Amino acid sequence: MWHRIIALVIKEFLALLRDPRERLLIIVPPIVQLVVFSYAASFDLNHVKLAVYDRDGGQAAHALIARFTGSRHFQLVASVTDPASAERLIDAKRALLVLEIGPEFSSHLLSGRTATVQVLIDGRNSNTALIALNYARRIVQDFNRDWLHDNTDAKLPLRLETRAWFNPNLESRWFIVPGIVGLLMMVVVMMVTALSVAREREQGTFDQLLVTPMRPVEILIGKAIPGMLIGLLEATLIVIIAVAWFHVPLRGHLITLYTGIFLFLLSASGVGLMISSLATTLQQALLGAFLFLVPGVILSGFATPIANMPAAVQYITLIDPLRYFMVVLRGVFLEGASFAQLWSQFWPMTLIGIGCLAGAGWLFRHRTT
């Protein structure tokens, strides 16, 4: 069995790499897109999940909290009573921003001294963090203006201190580049696998492949392996560029990262082979890959946070393997997330990959009868 699969894998590589233009198409565009997108991509923010850690409890503190909760930009999700709870909320992505008010906040304001408020912010999405921080600064400025208006003899009443987790300097590239790794992998693998069977049909070699001793499952495995290997090499190259050129920190273990890469390649190859099994021409395969890639990227959380999408659309994202891979990439790069922490992202990609490969195998057998 395996010597036949290996022979088919070699055949697929020869077909892919025979044309110099096709070799350039596989290698050069992802690198160019990585550089261009890393500098050009930007994001928007719809709302901010806010948690409050009020250690003062005075009237002035309540007035400041009311300004945050009354703003259309913030949504109060929790009130915590200890620092550990605030940390857990940010780690679990249940809150983007934690407003911490010190125990002497009201007394400092009433005595004419400057009070300090600390903002803990999730820096994994740097663009979102910066926008949320600007909203917080605007509210603090309005609070200062009104306090000075009511208390003419007071000095600058309130000073805002910020602390960004996972991305201390809030560099947008740290958030964008890991996402581009997944985006480019999906494009390359989907195109290679989606065109494989359709190319055989269009060139007239599909019937010859059917009369060989190979079973449909062997043909599917042979068609999937080249795309997965190319995707693995592309991923390794892009990760090296992300770390060495763009200086994005890689805080997690490579074993965890490559587990996610393998499972994503499995799911993307399965989707590509299913499209290829349905298509009868290269044009149909290209159209099918395009129809999957565009919504796959949009619904992955690469450009727009999934939490900001309508509830119905959020359910649709559950069948998008790139959605889970984005969490894995950013978790490993920025958070140093462990295998156990990312297990909730691994098993959906596994199910999608196995389900799509099984569906492609059924379609392939159905077409051979």
Protein backbone atom coordinates (compact mmCIF):
# COMPACT_ATOMS: atom_id res chain seq x y z
CA MET A 1 0.00 0.00 0.00
CA TRP A 2 2.58 2.55 1.09
CA HIS A 3 4.90 2.09 -1.88
CA ARG A 4 1.98 2.92 -4.17
CA ILE A 5 1.16 6.01 -2.08
CA ILE A 6 4.80 7.11 -2.17
CA ALA A 7 4.87 6.69 -5.93
CA LEU A 8 1.77 8.87 -6.26
CA VAL A 9 3.27 11.48 -3.92
CA ILE A 10 6.39 11.65 -6.11
CA LYS A 11 4.18 11.99 -9.18
CA GLU A 12 2.29 14.88 -7.56
CA PHE A 13 5.49 16.69 -6.65
CA LEU A 14 6.84 16.27 -10.17
CA ALA A 15 3.60 17.69 -11.58
CA LEU A 16 3.73 20.65 -9.17
CA LEU A 17 7.42 21.49 -9.51
CA ARG A 18 7.97 20.72 -13.21
CA ASP A 19 6.97 24.21 -14.35
CA PRO A 20 9.32 26.99 -13.08
CA ARG A 21 6.42 29.46 -13.04
CA GLU A 22 4.42 27.13 -10.80
CA ARG A 23 7.37 26.82 -8.43
CA LEU A 24 7.56 30.60 -8.17
CA LEU A 25 3.79 30.76 -7.65
CA ILE A 26 4.05 28.47 -4.64
CA ILE A 27 7.02 30.17 -2.96
CA VAL A 28 7.22 33.86 -3.89
CA PRO A 29 3.63 35.21 -3.43
CA PRO A 30 3.26 34.07 0.21
CA ILE A 31 6.52 35.82 1.15
CA VAL A 32 5.55 39.01 -0.70
CA GLN A 33 2.09 38.96 0.88
CA LEU A 34 3.58 38.40 4.33
CA VAL A 35 5.70 41.54 4.02
CA VAL A 36 2.95 43.68 2.45
CA PHE A 37 0.12 42.60 4.75
CA SER A 38 2.24 42.91 7.87
CA TYR A 39 2.73 46.60 7.19
CA ALA A 40 -0.64 47.40 5.65
CA ALA A 41 -3.29 45.50 7.63
CA SER A 42 -5.44 47.30 10.20
CA PHE A 43 -8.49 46.53 12.35
CA ASP A 44 -11.55 48.13 13.89
CA LEU A 45 -13.27 47.79 17.28
CA ASN A 46 -16.99 47.67 18.02
CA HIS A 47 -17.16 47.33 21.82
CA VAL A 48 -14.98 46.72 24.87
CA LYS A 49 -15.65 44.19 27.62
CA LEU A 50 -14.91 45.97 30.89
CA ALA A 51 -14.27 44.64 34.39
CA VAL A 52 -13.98 46.90 37.46
CA TYR A 53 -11.76 46.40 40.50
CA ASP A 54 -12.94 49.13 42.90
CA ARG A 55 -10.79 49.21 46.03
CA ASP A 56 -12.14 52.61 47.12
CA GLY A 57 -15.92 52.42 47.07
CA GLY A 58 -16.31 56.18 47.46
CA GLN A 59 -18.62 58.53 45.63
CA ALA A 60 -15.89 59.77 43.29
CA ALA A 61 -15.01 56.22 42.34
CA HIS A 62 -18.66 55.46 41.60
CA ALA A 63 -18.84 58.58 39.45
CA LEU A 64 -15.83 57.47 37.40
CA ILE A 65 -17.22 53.94 37.00
CA ALA A 66 -20.54 55.37 35.87
CA ARG A 67 -18.77 57.27 33.10
CA PHE A 68 -17.26 54.03 31.82
CA THR A 69 -20.43 51.95 32.10
CA GLY A 70 -22.52 54.76 30.63
CA SER A 71 -20.31 55.00 27.56
CA ARG A 72 -21.48 53.21 24.42
CA HIS A 73 -17.93 51.95 23.92
CA PHE A 74 -17.79 49.85 27.10
CA GLN A 75 -19.80 46.91 28.37
CA LEU A 76 -19.46 45.98 32.05
CA VAL A 77 -19.02 42.20 32.31
CA ALA A 78 -17.75 41.77 35.88
CA SER A 79 -16.82 43.45 39.16
CA VAL A 80 -13.88 41.77 40.88
CA THR A 81 -12.59 41.96 44.43
CA ASP A 82 -9.00 40.75 44.06
CA PRO A 83 -6.13 40.98 41.53
CA ALA A 84 -6.19 37.25 40.76
CA SER A 85 -9.77 37.47 39.50
CA ALA A 86 -8.81 40.34 37.21
CA GLU A 87 -5.93 38.31 35.80
CA ARG A 88 -8.18 35.32 35.14
CA LEU A 89 -10.70 37.48 33.29
CA ILE A 90 -8.01 38.77 30.92
CA ASP A 91 -6.40 35.35 30.48
CA ALA A 92 -9.76 33.81 29.57
CA LYS A 93 -10.61 36.73 27.23
CA ARG A 94 -13.75 37.46 29.24
CA ALA A 95 -12.60 41.05 29.68
CA LEU A 96 -10.46 43.21 27.44
CA LEU A 97 -9.91 45.95 30.00
CA VAL A 98 -9.85 46.01 33.82
CA LEU A 99 -10.28 49.35 35.56
CA GLU A 100 -8.51 49.31 38.94
CA ILE A 101 -9.29 52.14 41.37
CA GLY A 102 -6.96 52.46 44.36
CA PRO A 103 -8.14 52.50 48.02
CA GLU A 104 -7.35 56.23 48.50
CA PHE A 105 -8.88 57.44 45.25
CA SER A 106 -11.70 59.53 46.71
CA SER A 107 -9.63 60.90 49.61
CA HIS A 108 -6.90 62.10 47.25
CA LEU A 109 -9.40 63.86 45.02
CA LEU A 110 -11.21 65.53 47.91
CA SER A 111 -7.93 66.74 49.40
CA GLY A 112 -6.83 68.31 46.11
CA ARG A 113 -4.17 65.74 45.32
CA THR A 114 -3.79 63.76 42.09
CA ALA A 115 -5.36 60.29 42.20
CA THR A 116 -4.13 57.36 40.14
CA VAL A 117 -6.24 54.86 38.23
CA GLN A 118 -4.68 51.80 36.62
CA VAL A 119 -5.95 50.14 33.46
CA LEU A 120 -4.98 46.53 32.77
CA ILE A 121 -5.54 45.76 29.11
CA ASP A 122 -5.28 42.64 26.97
CA GLY A 123 -2.54 43.39 24.44
CA ARG A 124 -2.95 40.28 22.28
CA ASN A 125 -4.90 42.34 19.77
CA SER A 126 -2.82 45.50 19.80
CA ASN A 127 -5.11 47.53 17.54
CA THR A 128 -8.14 46.75 19.69
CA ALA A 129 -6.15 47.52 22.84
CA LEU A 130 -5.02 50.90 21.53
CA ILE A 131 -8.56 51.88 20.54
CA ALA A 132 -9.92 50.80 23.94
CA LEU A 133 -7.12 52.69 25.66
CA ASN A 134 -8.00 55.83 23.72
CA TYR A 135 -11.63 55.48 24.82
CA ALA A 136 -10.48 55.19 28.45
CA ARG A 137 -8.21 58.22 28.12
CA ARG A 138 -11.06 60.24 26.66
CA ILE A 139 -13.30 59.37 29.62
CA VAL A 140 -10.54 60.29 32.08
CA GLN A 141 -10.03 63.62 30.31
CA ASP A 142 -13.75 64.37 30.55
CA PHE A 143 -13.71 63.42 34.23
CA ASN A 144 -10.75 65.75 34.85
CA ARG A 145 -12.41 68.61 33.00
CA ASP A 146 -15.66 68.32 34.96
CA TRP A 147 -13.86 67.90 38.30
CA LEU A 148 -11.74 71.00 37.67
CA HIS A 149 -14.87 72.91 36.69
CA ASP A 150 -16.56 72.00 39.99
CA ASN A 151 -13.41 72.36 42.09
CA THR A 152 -11.50 75.38 40.82
CA ASP A 153 -8.74 75.12 43.42
CA ALA A 154 -7.91 71.49 42.57
CA LYS A 155 -4.83 70.38 40.66
CA LEU A 156 -4.88 67.74 37.93
CA PRO A 157 -7.28 65.33 39.65
CA LEU A 158 -6.75 62.05 37.87
CA ARG A 159 -3.78 60.31 36.24
CA LEU A 160 -4.19 57.16 34.15
CA GLU A 161 -1.59 54.40 34.34
CA THR A 162 -1.72 51.61 31.75
CA ARG A 163 -0.32 48.11 31.66
CA ALA A 164 -0.69 45.95 28.54
CA TRP A 165 -0.49 42.18 28.94
CA PHE A 166 1.11 39.87 26.35
CA ASN A 167 2.17 42.87 24.20
CA PRO A 168 3.68 45.56 26.48
CA ASN A 169 4.34 48.09 23.70
CA LEU A 170 1.08 47.32 21.86
CA GLU A 171 2.88 46.71 18.56
CA SER A 172 0.29 45.89 15.92
CA ARG A 173 2.73 43.69 14.02
CA TRP A 174 2.80 41.22 16.91
CA PHE A 175 -0.91 40.62 16.35
CA ILE A 176 -1.00 40.80 12.56
CA VAL A 177 1.95 38.60 11.57
CA PRO A 178 0.86 35.39 13.38
CA GLY A 179 -2.55 35.73 11.72
CA ILE A 180 -0.94 36.07 8.31
CA VAL A 181 0.88 32.78 8.91
CA GLY A 182 -2.48 31.00 9.04
CA LEU A 183 -3.96 32.98 6.17
CA LEU A 184 -1.13 32.21 3.75
CA MET A 185 -1.00 28.54 4.76
CA MET A 186 -4.69 28.19 4.04
CA VAL A 187 -4.38 29.80 0.61
CA VAL A 188 -1.43 27.63 -0.46
CA VAL A 189 -2.78 24.30 0.84
CA MET A 190 -6.31 24.89 -0.42
CA MET A 191 -5.13 25.76 -3.91
CA VAL A 192 -2.75 22.80 -4.16
CA THR A 193 -5.25 20.21 -2.95
CA ALA A 194 -8.35 21.69 -4.59
CA LEU A 195 -6.71 21.53 -8.02
CA SER A 196 -5.17 18.06 -7.71
CA VAL A 197 -8.06 15.77 -8.76
CA ALA A 198 -9.58 18.40 -11.07
CA ARG A 199 -6.25 18.66 -12.89
CA GLU A 200 -6.24 14.90 -13.41
CA ARG A 201 -9.72 15.01 -14.91
CA GLU A 202 -8.94 17.92 -17.21
CA GLN A 203 -5.68 16.38 -18.45
CA GLY A 204 -7.39 13.05 -19.12
CA THR A 205 -5.25 11.05 -16.68
CA PHE A 206 -8.00 10.51 -14.13
CA ASP A 207 -9.31 7.38 -15.82
CA GLN A 208 -5.79 5.97 -15.96
CA LEU A 209 -5.46 6.56 -12.22
CA LEU A 210 -8.69 4.67 -11.59
CA VAL A 211 -7.54 1.50 -13.34
CA THR A 212 -4.41 1.25 -11.18
CA PRO A 213 -4.40 -1.14 -8.19
CA MET A 214 -4.70 1.85 -5.85
CA ARG A 215 -7.83 2.13 -3.74
CA PRO A 216 -9.66 5.47 -3.41
CA VAL A 217 -8.37 5.99 0.14
CA GLU A 218 -4.80 5.51 -1.07
CA ILE A 219 -5.33 8.04 -3.86
CA LEU A 220 -6.76 10.55 -1.37
CA ILE A 221 -3.81 10.12 0.99
CA GLY A 222 -1.40 10.49 -1.91
CA LYS A 223 -3.16 13.64 -3.04
CA ALA A 224 -3.22 15.12 0.48
CA ILE A 225 0.41 14.54 1.47
CA PRO A 226 2.04 16.91 -1.09
CA GLY A 227 -0.19 19.81 -0.07
CA MET A 228 0.47 19.15 3.61
CA LEU A 229 4.22 18.95 3.09
CA ILE A 230 4.25 22.16 1.05
CA GLY A 231 2.13 23.83 3.72
CA LEU A 232 4.51 22.60 6.43
CA LEU A 233 7.53 24.03 4.61
CA GLU A 234 5.69 27.31 3.95
CA ALA A 235 4.70 27.53 7.62
CA THR A 236 8.27 26.93 8.79
CA LEU A 237 9.63 29.57 6.43
CA ILE A 238 7.01 32.14 7.42
CA VAL A 239 7.49 31.48 11.15
CA ILE A 240 11.24 32.01 10.75
CA ILE A 241 10.62 35.31 8.93
CA ALA A 242 8.07 36.40 11.55
CA VAL A 243 10.54 35.81 14.39
CA ALA A 244 13.82 36.84 12.71
CA TRP A 245 12.63 39.75 10.53
CA PHE A 246 9.57 41.14 12.29
CA HIS A 247 10.80 40.22 15.80
CA VAL A 248 7.48 38.72 16.86
CA PRO A 249 8.07 36.77 20.10
CA LEU A 250 7.56 33.02 20.00
CA ARG A 251 6.83 32.30 23.67
CA GLY A 252 5.27 28.85 23.38
CA HIS A 253 6.73 25.46 22.56
CA LEU A 254 7.40 24.42 18.97
CA ILE A 255 5.70 21.07 19.65
CA THR A 256 2.46 22.88 20.48
CA LEU A 257 2.82 25.14 17.44
CA TYR A 258 3.49 22.29 15.01
CA THR A 259 0.67 20.22 16.46
CA GLY A 260 -1.65 23.08 15.55
CA ILE A 261 -0.01 23.43 12.13
CA PHE A 262 -0.44 19.72 11.38
CA LEU A 263 -4.09 19.66 12.44
CA PHE A 264 -4.83 22.80 10.44
CA LEU A 265 -3.12 21.31 7.39
CA LEU A 266 -5.20 18.18 7.86
CA SER A 267 -8.44 20.17 7.94
CA ALA A 268 -7.47 22.48 5.05
CA SER A 269 -6.39 19.51 2.92
CA GLY A 270 -9.67 17.76 3.67
CA VAL A 271 -11.68 20.79 2.54
CA GLY A 272 -9.52 21.15 -0.57
CA LEU A 273 -9.90 17.49 -1.52
CA MET A 274 -13.65 17.64 -1.02
CA ILE A 275 -13.81 20.61 -3.40
CA SER A 276 -11.55 18.78 -5.84
CA SER A 277 -13.72 15.65 -5.68
CA LEU A 278 -16.79 17.72 -6.55
CA ALA A 279 -15.14 19.66 -9.39
CA THR A 280 -14.74 18.28 -12.90
CA THR A 281 -12.56 21.11 -14.31
CA LEU A 282 -9.81 23.37 -13.04
CA GLN A 283 -12.15 26.33 -13.39
CA GLN A 284 -14.70 24.71 -11.09
CA ALA A 285 -11.99 23.82 -8.58
CA LEU A 286 -10.64 27.39 -8.59
CA LEU A 287 -14.13 28.79 -8.12
CA GLY A 288 -14.86 26.36 -5.27
CA ALA A 289 -11.60 27.20 -3.51
CA PHE A 290 -12.29 30.92 -3.93
CA LEU A 291 -15.82 30.55 -2.57
CA PHE A 292 -14.44 28.88 0.55
CA LEU A 293 -11.34 31.04 1.05
CA VAL A 294 -13.00 34.45 1.10
CA PRO A 295 -15.59 33.72 3.83
CA GLY A 296 -13.05 31.50 5.58
CA VAL A 297 -10.69 34.44 6.02
CA ILE A 298 -13.41 36.94 6.89
CA LEU A 299 -14.98 34.65 9.51
CA SER A 300 -11.68 33.54 11.03
CA GLY A 301 -11.22 36.55 13.32
CA PHE A 302 -8.23 37.77 11.31
CA ALA A 303 -9.77 41.15 10.47
CA THR A 304 -12.83 41.43 12.72
CA PRO A 305 -13.14 39.96 16.23
CA ILE A 306 -15.59 37.07 16.19
CA ALA A 307 -17.19 38.36 19.40
CA ASN A 308 -18.30 41.46 17.49
CA MET A 309 -20.11 39.44 14.83
CA PRO A 310 -23.86 38.70 14.99
CA ALA A 311 -24.75 35.54 16.91
CA ALA A 312 -25.89 33.69 13.77
CA VAL A 313 -22.60 34.43 12.03
CA GLN A 314 -20.64 33.28 15.09
CA TYR A 315 -22.24 29.85 14.74
CA ILE A 316 -21.17 29.71 11.10
CA THR A 317 -17.55 30.36 12.12
CA LEU A 318 -17.54 27.06 14.03
CA ILE A 319 -17.00 25.15 10.75
CA ASP A 320 -14.09 27.38 9.71
CA PRO A 321 -10.75 25.69 10.56
CA LEU A 322 -8.89 28.99 10.26
CA ARG A 323 -10.88 30.35 13.20
CA TYR A 324 -9.29 27.79 15.53
CA PHE A 325 -5.82 28.08 13.99
CA MET A 326 -5.79 31.85 14.57
CA VAL A 327 -6.28 31.23 18.29
CA VAL A 328 -3.50 28.64 18.27
CA LEU A 329 -1.03 30.89 16.46
CA ARG A 330 -1.62 33.96 18.61
CA GLY A 331 -1.77 31.85 21.74
CA VAL A 332 1.59 30.19 21.08
CA PHE A 333 3.33 33.34 19.80
CA LEU A 334 2.12 35.93 22.30
CA GLU A 335 0.86 34.03 25.35
CA GLY A 336 3.09 30.97 25.41
CA ALA A 337 -0.07 28.85 25.65
CA SER A 338 0.39 25.19 26.45
CA PHE A 339 -1.00 22.13 24.69
CA ALA A 340 -3.67 21.72 27.36
CA GLN A 341 -4.80 25.33 27.02
CA LEU A 342 -5.20 24.95 23.25
CA TRP A 343 -6.88 21.56 23.29
CA SER A 344 -10.25 23.25 22.80
CA GLN A 345 -8.90 24.50 19.45
CA PHE A 346 -7.17 21.27 18.43
CA TRP A 347 -10.11 18.87 18.52
CA PRO A 348 -12.44 20.95 16.28
CA MET A 349 -9.73 21.10 13.59
CA THR A 350 -9.31 17.34 13.92
CA LEU A 351 -13.04 16.75 13.47
CA ILE A 352 -13.21 19.09 10.47
CA GLY A 353 -10.23 17.36 8.85
CA ILE A 354 -11.51 13.82 9.42
CA GLY A 355 -15.05 14.75 8.38
CA CYS A 356 -13.93 16.44 5.17
CA LEU A 357 -11.54 13.63 4.25
CA ALA A 358 -14.29 11.08 4.87
CA GLY A 359 -16.67 13.13 2.72
CA ALA A 360 -14.07 13.43 -0.02
CA GLY A 361 -13.46 9.67 0.14
CA TRP A 362 -17.19 8.98 -0.17
CA LEU A 363 -17.47 11.34 -3.14
CA PHE A 364 -14.41 9.81 -4.72
CA ARG A 365 -15.78 6.26 -4.39
CA HIS A 366 -19.15 7.44 -5.66
CA ARG A 367 -17.53 8.85 -8.80
CA THR A 368 -15.53 5.70 -9.43
CA THR A 369 -18.61 3.48 -9.71
